[in-house]
Amino acid sequence: MPARANLRIPFASSRTLFLQPRVTSYLSSHPLSPIADKPHHQRLHNRLSLRLHIPSSSFHTYSTLAPPLTMPKRKTTTTTTTTKPTTTRQSKRTKTTTPSSPSSSHPAMSPLPKASSLFTPLPPSKTNRLLEPGPILLVSTGNPQTQTHNLMTLGFHTMISHSSPTLIGLTLGPWDHSYSLLSSSKECVLSIPNLTLAKTVVDIGNISSSDLPPSETKWDRFKLDPIQGEKVSCALVGGDGIIGNLECKVEDESLVKKYNFWVLRVVKGWVNEQNFRLDGTAVETDKGKMMHHRGDGSFFVGGEEVLDLRGRMTKWRMLQD
């Protein structure tokens, strides 16, 4: 496109507002104390162990003159009087400190309900529909000055770290034209569209740059405004349909070859305050609503209501302004 080779692109600072990237319990047990070694206990034990001795010559006469004497029943195990008390104490101490088995201390657990009684099975290939719903993104790669700038729609991304540095991960493979551009330039822009661009976002994802005439780009086809950033050569997406732009550089490529997973470092952040209020309140119009892809062409629409629990989230106040 020779006619656009010297295209003048407005600076991001003239259209949007810059933002710095922010984007056991203790248990103890004690053994029972042993029985005190008192002479009285030993004498009582010996007294109970005495046998009744009667001369054999008078036993018959005694039994005919008096009712038979009933001897008290004794335990089958007898304790020898010569046993040292310390041995008895040690055996009792050992017995009291022996832990009981888990089966004896806890009743048998009733069978747990089966997952199939509460949930519907979901194939692994569709589990992304539960985890994917982050805001849908437009990924800008290439350089407008060389007419290599491109756009694609992306839903697979995740935050990795808040700061020092701010890192974002995304999946982008060789089946996308943006893959080669990102591989060569090591930089890109992540743009967050609002609900007013819903159909355009889907249409951008339906078409590849290779399907367009050489003189036309996706920017031309969908009438989107390229905006010049400050840290990268890729164009930011301008217009009222954009909530914010993140200028990024590739931080780590170690997982690209195996998983097509890129780790990006945010080097500059921009937000449109008309579409995203910094005080946490919601923008009531469609310009403040983000789209969250469910993985099947349907979307959640966010931004209709803001549940403000900043006062309750006391552990993470460092993440609040």
Protein backbone atom coordinates (compact mmCIF):
# COMPACT_ATOMS: atom_id res chain seq x y z
CA MET A 1 0.00 0.00 0.00
CA PRO A 2 2.24 2.85 -1.16
CA ALA A 3 -0.48 5.35 -0.42
CA ARG A 4 -0.20 4.52 3.27
CA ALA A 5 3.56 4.26 3.55
CA ASN A 6 3.85 7.69 5.15
CA LEU A 7 0.72 7.36 7.27
CA ARG A 8 0.71 9.78 10.21
CA ILE A 9 -0.44 7.94 13.31
CA PRO A 10 -1.58 9.90 16.38
CA PHE A 11 0.19 9.31 19.67
CA ALA A 12 -1.56 7.26 22.33
CA SER A 13 -1.19 10.08 24.87
CA SER A 14 -3.39 12.30 22.71
CA ARG A 15 -6.27 9.87 22.76
CA THR A 16 -6.09 7.93 25.99
CA LEU A 17 -4.86 8.22 29.58
CA PHE A 18 -1.63 6.54 30.63
CA LEU A 19 -1.56 4.22 33.60
CA GLN A 20 1.42 2.49 35.14
CA PRO A 21 1.13 -1.30 34.71
CA ARG A 22 -0.79 -2.74 37.57
CA VAL A 23 -2.36 -4.74 35.52
CA THR A 24 -1.76 -25.06 62.19
CA SER A 25 -2.88 -26.02 65.07
CA TYR A 26 -0.57 -27.14 67.94
CA LEU A 27 -1.40 -30.30 69.88
CA SER A 28 0.37 -31.74 72.86
CA SER A 29 -0.34 -34.75 75.04
CA HIS A 30 1.02 -35.89 78.35
CA PRO A 31 1.32 -39.47 79.63
CA LEU A 32 -0.75 -40.38 82.64
CA SER A 33 1.10 -40.26 85.94
CA PRO A 34 2.01 -43.71 87.35
CA ILE A 35 0.46 -44.99 90.56
CA ALA A 36 2.38 -43.78 93.58
CA ASP A 37 4.61 -46.34 95.29
CA LYS A 38 3.12 -46.35 98.75
CA PRO A 39 3.75 -49.08 101.30
CA HIS A 40 0.03 -49.20 102.07
CA HIS A 41 -0.79 -50.34 98.51
CA GLN A 42 1.80 -53.09 98.72
CA ARG A 43 0.60 -54.28 102.14
CA LEU A 44 -2.99 -54.37 100.91
CA HIS A 45 -1.95 -56.39 97.88
CA ASN A 46 -0.05 -58.87 100.03
CA ARG A 47 -2.92 -59.16 102.47
CA LEU A 48 -5.33 -60.13 99.69
CA SER A 49 -2.84 -62.71 98.45
CA LEU A 50 -2.63 -64.64 101.76
CA ARG A 51 -3.78 -68.23 101.79
CA LEU A 52 -5.83 -69.80 104.62
CA HIS A 53 -3.73 -72.45 106.37
CA ILE A 54 -5.59 -75.08 108.47
CA PRO A 55 -3.95 -78.13 110.06
CA SER A 56 -4.83 -81.31 108.15
CA SER A 57 -5.74 -83.26 111.37
CA SER A 58 -8.60 -80.91 112.26
CA PHE A 59 -9.95 -80.17 108.82
CA HIS A 60 -12.56 -82.98 108.86
CA THR A 61 -13.80 -82.09 112.39
CA TYR A 62 -14.07 -78.42 111.40
CA SER A 63 -16.08 -79.19 108.31
CA THR A 64 -18.63 -81.28 110.22
CA LEU A 65 -19.18 -78.75 112.94
CA ALA A 66 -19.48 -75.65 110.85
CA PRO A 67 -20.73 -74.75 107.41
CA PRO A 68 -18.08 -75.01 104.79
CA LEU A 69 -16.00 -71.92 104.40
CA THR A 70 -16.41 -70.29 100.99
CA MET A 71 -13.15 -68.93 99.73
CA PRO A 72 -13.24 -65.70 97.72
CA LYS A 73 -12.59 -66.15 94.02
CA ARG A 74 -9.22 -65.03 92.87
CA LYS A 75 -8.02 -63.91 89.47
CA THR A 76 -6.21 -66.50 87.46
CA THR A 77 -3.18 -64.25 87.10
CA THR A 78 -1.26 -63.69 90.30
CA THR A 79 1.21 -60.98 90.99
CA THR A 80 4.42 -62.08 92.58
CA THR A 81 5.19 -60.06 95.69
CA THR A 82 8.82 -59.84 94.72
CA THR A 83 8.04 -57.77 91.57
CA LYS A 84 9.53 -54.34 91.87
CA PRO A 85 6.99 -51.48 91.84
CA THR A 86 9.10 -49.60 89.33
CA THR A 87 8.53 -52.36 86.76
CA THR A 88 4.78 -52.04 87.27
CA ARG A 89 4.93 -48.27 86.83
CA GLN A 90 6.98 -48.57 83.65
CA SER A 91 4.58 -51.04 82.08
CA LYS A 92 1.61 -48.79 82.87
CA ARG A 93 3.38 -45.74 81.48
CA THR A 94 4.17 -47.58 78.25
CA LYS A 95 0.59 -48.70 77.89
CA THR A 96 -0.92 -45.26 78.39
CA THR A 97 1.35 -43.57 75.84
CA THR A 98 0.67 -46.09 73.06
CA PRO A 99 -1.45 -44.26 70.44
CA SER A 100 -4.69 -45.85 69.46
CA SER A 101 -5.24 -46.93 65.89
CA PRO A 102 -7.25 -44.57 63.63
CA SER A 103 -9.91 -47.20 63.09
CA SER A 104 -10.65 -47.35 66.80
CA SER A 105 -10.77 -43.56 67.32
CA HIS A 106 -12.95 -42.64 64.30
CA PRO A 107 -16.20 -44.19 63.19
CA ALA A 108 -16.41 -45.64 59.72
CA MET A 109 -17.12 -42.93 57.09
CA SER A 110 -20.27 -43.30 55.07
CA PRO A 111 -19.80 -43.53 51.29
CA LEU A 112 -19.38 -40.16 49.55
CA PRO A 113 -21.94 -39.14 46.94
CA LYS A 114 -20.82 -39.79 43.39
CA ALA A 115 -19.92 -36.86 41.14
CA SER A 116 -22.42 -38.06 38.54
CA SER A 117 -25.26 -37.42 40.99
CA LEU A 118 -24.42 -33.70 41.20
CA PHE A 119 -22.64 -32.75 37.97
CA THR A 120 -22.92 -33.39 34.26
CA PRO A 121 -19.81 -34.92 32.65
CA LEU A 122 -17.82 -32.48 30.54
CA PRO A 123 -15.27 -33.70 27.96
CA PRO A 124 -11.73 -32.44 28.63
CA SER A 125 -11.76 -30.77 25.21
CA LYS A 126 -14.56 -28.47 26.45
CA THR A 127 -13.27 -27.64 29.94
CA ASN A 128 -11.87 -24.35 28.61
CA ARG A 129 -15.48 -23.11 28.64
CA LEU A 130 -15.25 -22.96 32.43
CA LEU A 131 -11.79 -21.37 32.68
CA GLU A 132 -11.50 -19.26 29.57
CA PRO A 133 -13.92 -16.43 30.36
CA GLY A 134 -11.39 -13.63 30.63
CA PRO A 135 -12.02 -10.52 28.52
CA ILE A 136 -11.66 -11.18 24.81
CA LEU A 137 -8.62 -9.46 23.31
CA LEU A 138 -7.45 -8.00 20.03
CA VAL A 139 -3.74 -8.69 19.49
CA SER A 140 -1.87 -6.14 17.39
CA THR A 141 1.43 -7.18 15.79
CA GLY A 142 3.67 -5.83 13.05
CA ASN A 143 4.54 -2.23 12.20
CA PRO A 144 2.19 0.25 10.50
CA GLN A 145 5.15 2.08 8.99
CA THR A 146 6.13 -1.01 7.01
CA GLN A 147 2.53 -1.99 6.29
CA THR A 148 2.96 -5.23 8.23
CA HIS A 149 0.54 -4.39 11.04
CA ASN A 150 -2.03 -7.05 11.75
CA LEU A 151 -4.91 -7.80 14.14
CA MET A 152 -6.29 -11.04 15.52
CA THR A 153 -8.89 -12.06 18.11
CA LEU A 154 -7.66 -14.06 21.10
CA GLY A 155 -9.32 -15.63 24.13
CA PHE A 156 -6.56 -17.81 25.64
CA HIS A 157 -4.64 -15.62 28.09
CA THR A 158 -3.87 -15.36 31.79
CA MET A 159 -2.27 -13.03 34.32
CA ILE A 160 1.03 -14.36 35.72
CA SER A 161 2.29 -11.62 38.05
CA HIS A 162 1.07 -8.21 39.18
CA SER A 163 4.35 -6.35 39.13
CA SER A 164 8.16 -6.49 39.12
CA PRO A 165 7.53 -7.21 36.30
CA THR A 166 3.89 -7.38 35.23
CA LEU A 167 3.60 -10.61 33.23
CA ILE A 168 0.81 -11.97 31.02
CA GLY A 169 0.70 -15.37 29.35
CA LEU A 170 -1.12 -16.14 26.12
CA THR A 171 -1.43 -18.97 23.63
CA LEU A 172 -0.67 -18.09 20.03
CA GLY A 173 0.39 -20.74 17.51
CA PRO A 174 1.81 -20.98 13.99
CA TRP A 175 -1.68 -21.38 12.52
CA ASP A 176 -2.06 -17.60 13.07
CA HIS A 177 -0.34 -15.05 10.84
CA SER A 178 0.45 -13.03 13.99
CA TYR A 179 2.71 -15.87 15.18
CA SER A 180 5.45 -15.07 12.67
CA LEU A 181 5.16 -11.33 13.35
CA LEU A 182 5.44 -11.84 17.11
CA SER A 183 8.36 -14.23 16.64
CA SER A 184 10.31 -11.70 14.62
CA SER A 185 9.53 -8.46 16.47
CA LYS A 186 9.21 -9.85 20.04
CA GLU A 187 6.51 -7.27 20.83
CA CYS A 188 2.77 -6.75 20.53
CA VAL A 189 -0.19 -4.78 21.88
CA LEU A 190 -3.13 -6.31 23.73
CA SER A 191 -6.32 -4.28 23.25
CA ILE A 192 -9.46 -4.79 25.34
CA PRO A 193 -12.61 -4.07 23.32
CA ASN A 194 -16.01 -3.24 24.77
CA LEU A 195 -19.48 -4.50 23.86
CA THR A 196 -19.93 -2.01 21.02
CA LEU A 197 -17.27 -3.92 19.03
CA ALA A 198 -18.74 -7.39 19.65
CA LYS A 199 -19.58 -8.26 16.05
CA THR A 200 -16.35 -6.70 14.77
CA VAL A 201 -14.31 -8.76 17.21
CA VAL A 202 -15.90 -11.98 15.92
CA ASP A 203 -15.45 -10.94 12.29
CA ILE A 204 -11.75 -10.19 12.86
CA GLY A 205 -11.36 -13.72 14.18
CA ASN A 206 -13.09 -15.19 11.14
CA ILE A 207 -10.65 -13.83 8.59
CA SER A 208 -6.92 -14.17 8.03
CA SER A 209 -4.67 -11.52 6.57
CA SER A 210 -3.77 -13.98 3.82
CA ASP A 211 -7.41 -13.85 2.68
CA LEU A 212 -7.26 -10.11 2.02
CA PRO A 213 -5.93 -8.35 -1.10
CA PRO A 214 -2.30 -7.18 -0.77
CA SER A 215 -3.45 -3.55 -0.70
CA GLU A 216 -5.86 -4.07 2.22
CA THR A 217 -5.35 -4.76 5.92
CA LYS A 218 -7.74 -5.72 8.67
CA TRP A 219 -7.46 -2.15 9.94
CA ASP A 220 -8.88 -0.95 6.63
CA ARG A 221 -11.51 -3.66 6.37
CA PHE A 222 -12.99 -3.01 9.81
CA LYS A 223 -12.29 0.75 9.94
CA LEU A 224 -10.17 0.69 13.08
CA ASP A 225 -7.83 3.54 14.03
CA PRO A 226 -4.13 2.69 14.57
CA ILE A 227 -2.54 4.68 17.40
CA GLN A 228 1.20 5.04 17.93
CA GLY A 229 2.48 3.80 21.29
CA GLU A 230 5.58 4.76 23.24
CA LYS A 231 7.44 1.53 23.97
CA VAL A 232 6.64 -0.73 20.99
CA SER A 233 6.35 -0.26 17.25
CA CYS A 234 3.01 -2.11 17.06
CA ALA A 235 -0.12 0.02 16.75
CA LEU A 236 -2.58 0.50 19.58
CA VAL A 237 -6.28 0.22 18.70
CA GLY A 238 -8.07 3.55 19.02
CA GLY A 239 -11.71 4.58 19.11
CA ASP A 240 -14.60 4.48 21.55
CA GLY A 241 -14.84 0.72 21.21
CA ILE A 242 -11.63 0.16 23.16
CA ILE A 243 -11.36 0.09 26.95
CA GLY A 244 -7.56 -0.06 27.14
CA ASN A 245 -4.30 -1.04 25.45
CA LEU A 246 -1.26 -2.83 26.90
CA GLU A 247 2.11 -2.47 25.20
CA CYS A 248 4.03 -5.71 25.69
CA LYS A 249 7.42 -7.24 24.96
CA VAL A 250 8.22 -10.95 24.93
CA GLU A 251 9.74 -11.96 28.27
CA ASP A 252 10.08 -15.73 27.89
CA GLU A 253 9.84 -18.05 24.87
CA SER A 254 10.85 -21.30 26.56
CA LEU A 255 7.34 -22.75 26.32
CA VAL A 256 6.56 -21.57 22.79
CA LYS A 257 8.03 -24.52 20.91
CA LYS A 258 6.24 -27.12 23.02
CA TYR A 259 3.02 -25.35 24.07
CA ASN A 260 2.77 -22.18 21.90
CA PHE A 261 2.69 -20.30 25.21
CA TRP A 262 4.20 -16.82 25.30
CA VAL A 263 5.13 -14.89 28.44
CA LEU A 264 4.75 -11.16 27.85
CA ARG A 265 5.95 -8.24 29.98
CA VAL A 266 3.73 -5.16 30.10
CA VAL A 267 5.90 -2.11 29.48
CA LYS A 268 3.14 0.48 29.17
CA GLY A 269 -0.56 0.57 29.98
CA TRP A 270 -3.30 2.82 28.61
CA VAL A 271 -6.96 3.14 29.57
CA ASN A 272 -9.92 5.13 28.25
CA GLU A 273 -11.46 6.68 31.36
CA GLN A 274 -14.77 7.22 29.60
CA ASN A 275 -15.08 3.44 29.33
CA PHE A 276 -13.29 2.34 32.50
CA ARG A 277 -13.52 4.36 35.70
CA LEU A 278 -10.49 4.29 37.94
CA ASP A 279 -12.58 4.72 41.12
CA GLY A 280 -14.06 1.24 40.64
CA THR A 281 -17.58 2.33 39.73
CA ALA A 282 -19.28 0.84 36.71
CA VAL A 283 -19.88 2.55 33.38
CA GLU A 284 -23.58 2.00 32.72
CA THR A 285 -23.38 2.07 28.91
CA ASP A 286 -22.15 -0.66 26.54
CA LYS A 287 -18.83 1.18 26.26
CA GLY A 288 -17.88 -0.01 29.74
CA LYS A 289 -18.88 -3.67 29.31
CA MET A 290 -16.27 -6.31 28.57
CA MET A 291 -16.97 -9.52 26.67
CA HIS A 292 -15.89 -12.88 28.08
CA HIS A 293 -15.70 -15.72 25.59
CA ARG A 294 -17.22 -19.03 26.72
CA GLY A 295 -15.23 -21.00 24.16
CA ASP A 296 -18.12 -21.81 21.87
CA GLY A 297 -18.96 -18.48 20.23
CA SER A 298 -21.13 -17.25 23.10
CA PHE A 299 -20.03 -14.55 25.52
CA PHE A 300 -20.63 -13.37 29.04
CA VAL A 301 -21.09 -9.61 29.25
CA GLY A 302 -19.38 -7.98 32.21
CA GLY A 303 -19.52 -4.48 33.59
CA GLU A 304 -23.25 -4.26 34.28
CA GLU A 305 -22.63 -4.27 38.03
CA VAL A 306 -19.55 -3.82 40.18
CA LEU A 307 -19.49 -5.73 43.46
CA ASP A 308 -17.15 -3.61 45.58
CA LEU A 309 -15.53 -5.73 48.30
CA ARG A 310 -12.31 -3.76 48.58
CA GLY A 311 -12.98 -2.98 52.25
CA ARG A 312 -13.38 -6.68 53.00
CA MET A 313 -10.28 -7.84 51.09
CA THR A 314 -7.93 -6.79 53.90
CA LYS A 315 -5.11 -9.24 53.14
CA TRP A 316 -4.48 -7.82 49.65
CA ARG A 317 -4.73 -4.08 50.22
CA MET A 318 -1.40 -3.61 48.45
CA LEU A 319 -3.24 -4.36 45.18
CA GLN A 320 -5.65 -1.48 45.71
CA ASP A 321 -5.00 2.17 44.90
